[in-house]
C-alpha atoms as a PDB file:
ATOM      1  CA  UNK A   1      59.262  29.600-182.644  1.00  0.00           C
ATOM      2  CA  UNK A   2      63.077  29.976-182.374  1.00  0.00           C
ATOM      3  CA  UNK A   3      64.823  26.857-181.212  1.00  0.00           C
ATOM      4  CA  UNK A   4      68.299  25.428-180.997  1.00  0.00           C
ATOM      5  CA  UNK A   5      69.857  22.075-180.401  1.00  0.00           C
ATOM      6  CA  UNK A   6      72.102  21.562-177.234  1.00  0.00           C
ATOM      7  CA  UNK A   7      74.211  18.505-176.767  1.00  0.00           C
ATOM      8  CA  UNK A   8      73.021  16.424-173.834  1.00  0.00           C
ATOM      9  CA  UNK A   9      75.010  17.042-170.546  1.00  0.00           C
ATOM     10  CA  UNK A  10      74.951  15.479-167.155  1.00  0.00           C
ATOM     11  CA  UNK A  11      73.158  18.633-165.622  1.00  0.00           C
ATOM     12  CA  UNK A  12      70.320  18.038-167.910  1.00  0.00           C
ATOM     13  CA  UNK A  13      69.072  14.920-166.059  1.00  0.00           C
ATOM     14  CA  UNK A  14      66.437  16.540-163.913  1.00  0.00           C
ATOM     15  CA  UNK A  15      64.972  18.923-166.414  1.00  0.00           C
ATOM     16  CA  UNK A  16      64.915  16.029-169.087  1.00  0.00           C
ATOM     17  CA  UNK A  17      63.253  13.729-166.580  1.00  0.00           C
ATOM     18  CA  UNK A  18      60.492  16.253-165.978  1.00  0.00           C
ATOM     19  CA  UNK A  19      59.977  16.792-169.784  1.00  0.00           C
ATOM     20  CA  UNK A  20      59.711  12.890-170.157  1.00  0.00           C
ATOM     21  CA  UNK A  21      57.266  12.507-167.280  1.00  0.00           C
ATOM     22  CA  UNK A  22      55.108  15.438-168.411  1.00  0.00           C
ATOM     23  CA  UNK A  23      54.975  14.072-171.960  1.00  0.00           C
ATOM     24  CA  UNK A  24      54.749  10.254-171.033  1.00  0.00           C
ATOM     25  CA  UNK A  25      50.988   9.725-172.014  1.00  0.00           C
ATOM     26  CA  UNK A  26      51.269  11.667-175.189  1.00  0.00           C
ATOM     27  CA  UNK A  27      54.571   9.847-176.238  1.00  0.00           C
ATOM     28  CA  UNK A  28      53.144   6.416-175.470  1.00  0.00           C
ATOM     29  CA  UNK A  29      50.334   7.122-177.972  1.00  0.00           C
ATOM     30  CA  UNK A  30      52.825   7.124-180.902  1.00  0.00           C
ATOM     31  CA  UNK A  31      55.783   5.062-179.709  1.00  0.00           C
ATOM     32  CA  UNK A  32      56.113   1.973-177.557  1.00  0.00           C
ATOM     33  CA  UNK A  33      56.525   2.601-173.864  1.00  0.00           C
ATOM     34  CA  UNK A  34      59.879   2.761-172.240  1.00  0.00           C
ATOM     35  CA  UNK A  35      58.446   1.067-169.137  1.00  0.00           C
ATOM     36  CA  UNK A  36      57.699   2.034-165.657  1.00  0.00           C
ATOM     37  CA  UNK A  37      61.354   1.873-164.543  1.00  0.00           C
ATOM     38  CA  UNK A  38      62.370   4.662-167.025  1.00  0.00           C
ATOM     39  CA  UNK A  39      60.196   7.057-164.972  1.00  0.00           C
ATOM     40  CA  UNK A  40      61.779   6.167-161.677  1.00  0.00           C
ATOM     41  CA  UNK A  41      64.332   9.057-161.205  1.00  0.00           C
ATOM     42  CA  UNK A  42      67.264   6.939-159.908  1.00  0.00           C
ATOM     43  CA  UNK A  43      66.828   4.608-162.902  1.00  0.00           C
ATOM     44  CA  UNK A  44      66.479   7.554-165.213  1.00  0.00           C
ATOM     45  CA  UNK A  45      69.843   8.966-163.861  1.00  0.00           C
ATOM     46  CA  UNK A  46      71.594   5.674-164.462  1.00  0.00           C
ATOM     47  CA  UNK A  47      70.322   5.634-168.040  1.00  0.00           C
ATOM     48  CA  UNK A  48      71.125   9.098-168.548  1.00  0.00           C
ATOM     49  CA  UNK A  49      74.824   8.434-167.692  1.00  0.00           C
ATOM     50  CA  UNK A  50      74.868   5.486-170.106  1.00  0.00           C
ATOM     51  CA  UNK A  51      73.702   7.937-172.824  1.00  0.00           C
ATOM     52  CA  UNK A  52      76.574  10.245-171.878  1.00  0.00           C
ATOM     53  CA  UNK A  53      79.076   7.555-172.027  1.00  0.00           C
ATOM     54  CA  UNK A  54      77.614   6.498-175.619  1.00  0.00           C
ATOM     55  CA  UNK A  55      77.925  10.072-176.582  1.00  0.00           C
ATOM     56  CA  UNK A  56      81.671  10.505-175.208  1.00  0.00           C
ATOM     57  CA  UNK A  57      82.622   7.219-177.192  1.00  0.00           C
ATOM     58  CA  UNK A  58      81.027   8.506-180.354  1.00  0.00           C
ATOM     59  CA  UNK A  59      78.503   5.788-180.670  1.00  0.00           C
ATOM     60  CA  UNK A  60      75.559   8.228-180.440  1.00  0.00           C
ATOM     61  CA  UNK A  61      74.941  11.975-180.138  1.00  0.00           C
ATOM     62  CA  UNK A  62      72.141  13.266-178.082  1.00  0.00           C
ATOM     63  CA  UNK A  63      70.580  16.706-178.281  1.00  0.00           C
ATOM     64  CA  UNK A  64      67.887  18.618-176.413  1.00  0.00           C
ATOM     65  CA  UNK A  65      65.722  20.844-178.530  1.00  0.00           C
ATOM     66  CA  UNK A  66      65.364  24.009-176.548  1.00  0.00           C
ATOM     67  CA  UNK A  67      63.348  27.255-177.072  1.00  0.00           C
ATOM     68  CA  UNK A  68      64.814  30.713-176.696  1.00  0.00           C
ATOM     69  CA  UNK A  69      64.305  30.791-173.091  1.00  0.00           C
ATOM     70  CA  UNK A  70      66.246  27.433-172.680  1.00  0.00           C
ATOM     71  CA  UNK A  71      63.152  25.286-171.883  1.00  0.00           C
ATOM     72  CA  UNK A  72      63.190  21.760-173.267  1.00  0.00           C
ATOM     73  CA  UNK A  73      60.539  21.371-176.038  1.00  0.00           C
ATOM     74  CA  UNK A  74      62.024  18.002-177.432  1.00  0.00           C
ATOM     75  CA  UNK A  75      64.890  15.743-178.087  1.00  0.00           C
ATOM     76  CA  UNK A  76      66.808  14.754-181.162  1.00  0.00           C
ATOM     77  CA  UNK A  77      69.107  11.891-181.369  1.00  0.00           C
ATOM     78  CA  UNK A  78      71.741  10.458-183.727  1.00  0.00           C
ATOM     79  CA  UNK A  79      72.258   6.934-182.666  1.00  0.00           C
ATOM     80  CA  UNK A  80      73.842   3.677-183.729  1.00  0.00           C
ATOM     81  CA  UNK A  81      76.545   5.484-185.456  1.00  0.00           C
ATOM     82  CA  UNK A  82      78.583   2.842-187.420  1.00  0.00           C
ATOM     83  CA  UNK A  83      82.298   2.545-187.386  1.00  0.00           C
ATOM     84  CA  UNK A  84      83.869   5.061-189.729  1.00  0.00           C
ATOM     85  CA  UNK A  85      80.481   7.000-189.451  1.00  0.00           C
ATOM     86  CA  UNK A  86      79.213   5.694-192.604  1.00  0.00           C
ATOM     87  CA  UNK A  87      75.632   5.588-191.256  1.00  0.00           C
ATOM     88  CA  UNK A  88      73.430   6.351-188.354  1.00  0.00           C
ATOM     89  CA  UNK A  89      69.847   6.346-187.113  1.00  0.00           C
ATOM     90  CA  UNK A  90      68.050   9.703-186.227  1.00  0.00           C
ATOM     91  CA  UNK A  91      65.174   9.758-183.905  1.00  0.00           C
ATOM     92  CA  UNK A  92      63.341  12.576-182.205  1.00  0.00           C
ATOM     93  CA  UNK A  93      60.341  13.516-180.046  1.00  0.00           C
ATOM     94  CA  UNK A  94      58.613  16.922-179.499  1.00  0.00           C
ATOM     95  CA  UNK A  95      56.641  17.588-176.306  1.00  0.00           C
ATOM     96  CA  UNK A  96      52.872  17.698-176.679  1.00  0.00           C
ATOM     97  CA  UNK A  97      52.459  21.467-176.008  1.00  0.00           C
ATOM     98  CA  UNK A  98      54.804  22.146-178.796  1.00  0.00           C
ATOM     99  CA  UNK A  99      53.176  20.039-181.531  1.00  0.00           C
ATOM    100  CA  UNK A 100      52.040  21.712-184.808  1.00  0.00           C
ATOM    101  CA  UNK A 101      54.718  24.667-184.650  1.00  0.00           C
ATOM    102  CA  UNK A 102      57.344  23.284-187.028  1.00  0.00           C
ATOM    103  CA  UNK A 103      59.629  22.362-184.292  1.00  0.00           C
ATOM    104  CA  UNK A 104      60.260  18.841-185.449  1.00  0.00           C
ATOM    105  CA  UNK A 105      61.084  20.027-188.993  1.00  0.00           C
ATOM    106  CA  UNK A 106      63.551  22.715-187.933  1.00  0.00           C
ATOM    107  CA  UNK A 107      65.134  20.525-185.340  1.00  0.00           C
ATOM    108  CA  UNK A 108      65.566  17.753-187.910  1.00  0.00           C
ATOM    109  CA  UNK A 109      67.209  20.219-190.321  1.00  0.00           C
ATOM    110  CA  UNK A 110      69.638  21.308-187.541  1.00  0.00           C
ATOM    111  CA  UNK A 111      70.447  17.606-186.749  1.00  0.00           C
ATOM    112  CA  UNK A 112      71.149  16.787-190.362  1.00  0.00           C
ATOM    113  CA  UNK A 113      73.614  19.681-190.217  1.00  0.00           C
ATOM    114  CA  UNK A 114      75.071  18.226-187.069  1.00  0.00           C
ATOM    115  CA  UNK A 115      75.371  14.759-188.773  1.00  0.00           C
ATOM    116  CA  UNK A 116      77.325  16.444-191.760  1.00  0.00           C
ATOM    117  CA  UNK A 117      79.608  18.149-189.184  1.00  0.00           C
ATOM    118  CA  UNK A 118      80.189  14.700-187.718  1.00  0.00           C
ATOM    119  CA  UNK A 119      80.958  13.241-191.269  1.00  0.00           C
ATOM    120  CA  UNK A 120      78.055  10.840-191.062  1.00  0.00           C
ATOM    121  CA  UNK A 121      77.359   9.840-194.627  1.00  0.00           C
ATOM    122  CA  UNK A 122      73.717   8.356-194.345  1.00  0.00           C
ATOM    123  CA  UNK A 123      70.894   9.032-192.056  1.00  0.00           C
ATOM    124  CA  UNK A 124      68.087   6.482-191.586  1.00  0.00           C
ATOM    125  CA  UNK A 125      64.815   7.143-189.735  1.00  0.00           C
ATOM    126  CA  UNK A 126      61.625   5.124-188.974  1.00  0.00           C
ATOM    127  CA  UNK A 127      58.465   5.744-187.308  1.00  0.00           C
ATOM    128  CA  UNK A 128      55.759   3.657-186.058  1.00  0.00           C
ATOM    129  CA  UNK A 129      53.003   3.214-188.583  1.00  0.00           C
ATOM    130  CA  UNK A 130      50.435   5.450-186.894  1.00  0.00           C
ATOM    131  CA  UNK A 131      52.818   8.376-186.347  1.00  0.00           C
ATOM    132  CA  UNK A 132      51.643  10.387-189.411  1.00  0.00           C
ATOM    133  CA  UNK A 133      53.087  13.781-188.057  1.00  0.00           C
ATOM    134  CA  UNK A 134      56.562  12.327-187.986  1.00  0.00           C
ATOM    135  CA  UNK A 135      56.167  10.615-191.174  1.00  0.00           C
ATOM    136  CA  UNK A 136      55.343  14.100-192.849  1.00  0.00           C
ATOM    137  CA  UNK A 137      58.256  15.756-191.133  1.00  0.00           C
ATOM    138  CA  UNK A 138      60.777  13.096-192.460  1.00  0.00           C
ATOM    139  CA  UNK A 139      59.322  13.353-195.957  1.00  0.00           C
ATOM    140  CA  UNK A 140      59.550  17.177-196.017  1.00  0.00           C
ATOM    141  CA  UNK A 141      63.071  16.787-194.998  1.00  0.00           C
ATOM    142  CA  UNK A 142      64.179  14.539-197.705  1.00  0.00           C
ATOM    143  CA  UNK A 143      63.737  11.159-196.147  1.00  0.00           C
ATOM    144  CA  UNK A 144      61.980   8.485-198.229  1.00  0.00           C
ATOM    145  CA  UNK A 145      61.245   5.024-197.216  1.00  0.00           C
ATOM    146  CA  UNK A 146      63.255   5.487-194.047  1.00  0.00           C
ATOM    147  CA  UNK A 147      66.501   6.629-195.876  1.00  0.00           C
ATOM    148  CA  UNK A 148      67.752  10.171-196.363  1.00  0.00           C
ATOM    149  CA  UNK A 149      68.456  11.040-199.912  1.00  0.00           C
END
């Protein structure tokens, strides 16, 4: 499947909300819940604007993973960027319907390229202990014990 990363913009709020809503049960099997408020659209919009402010200020960089038709298939985030861009955390999620298609691996490679363009020197990642698919993706992309080589 051909995918690309698109930086998060304000106009993404509604489609991203639908993506999150459709995948809530699936995501919550692997990661802690974001809470019920997150799935209330006015709250989601407020949070979306906060993310855009973080992005504008260079504290974090948020991307949507999209397929060739422009549909959201996942998210990729570079967050907690340290001053001087010495390091950052990377996180991602892929929708249930798109699992097992190599999307996370390709998107992670694209995000690593984005981090290099941003002059980020070190990327860290972590998963929950039961998220074996994500652990495999990280290992295949050069991460070991939560640190990128």
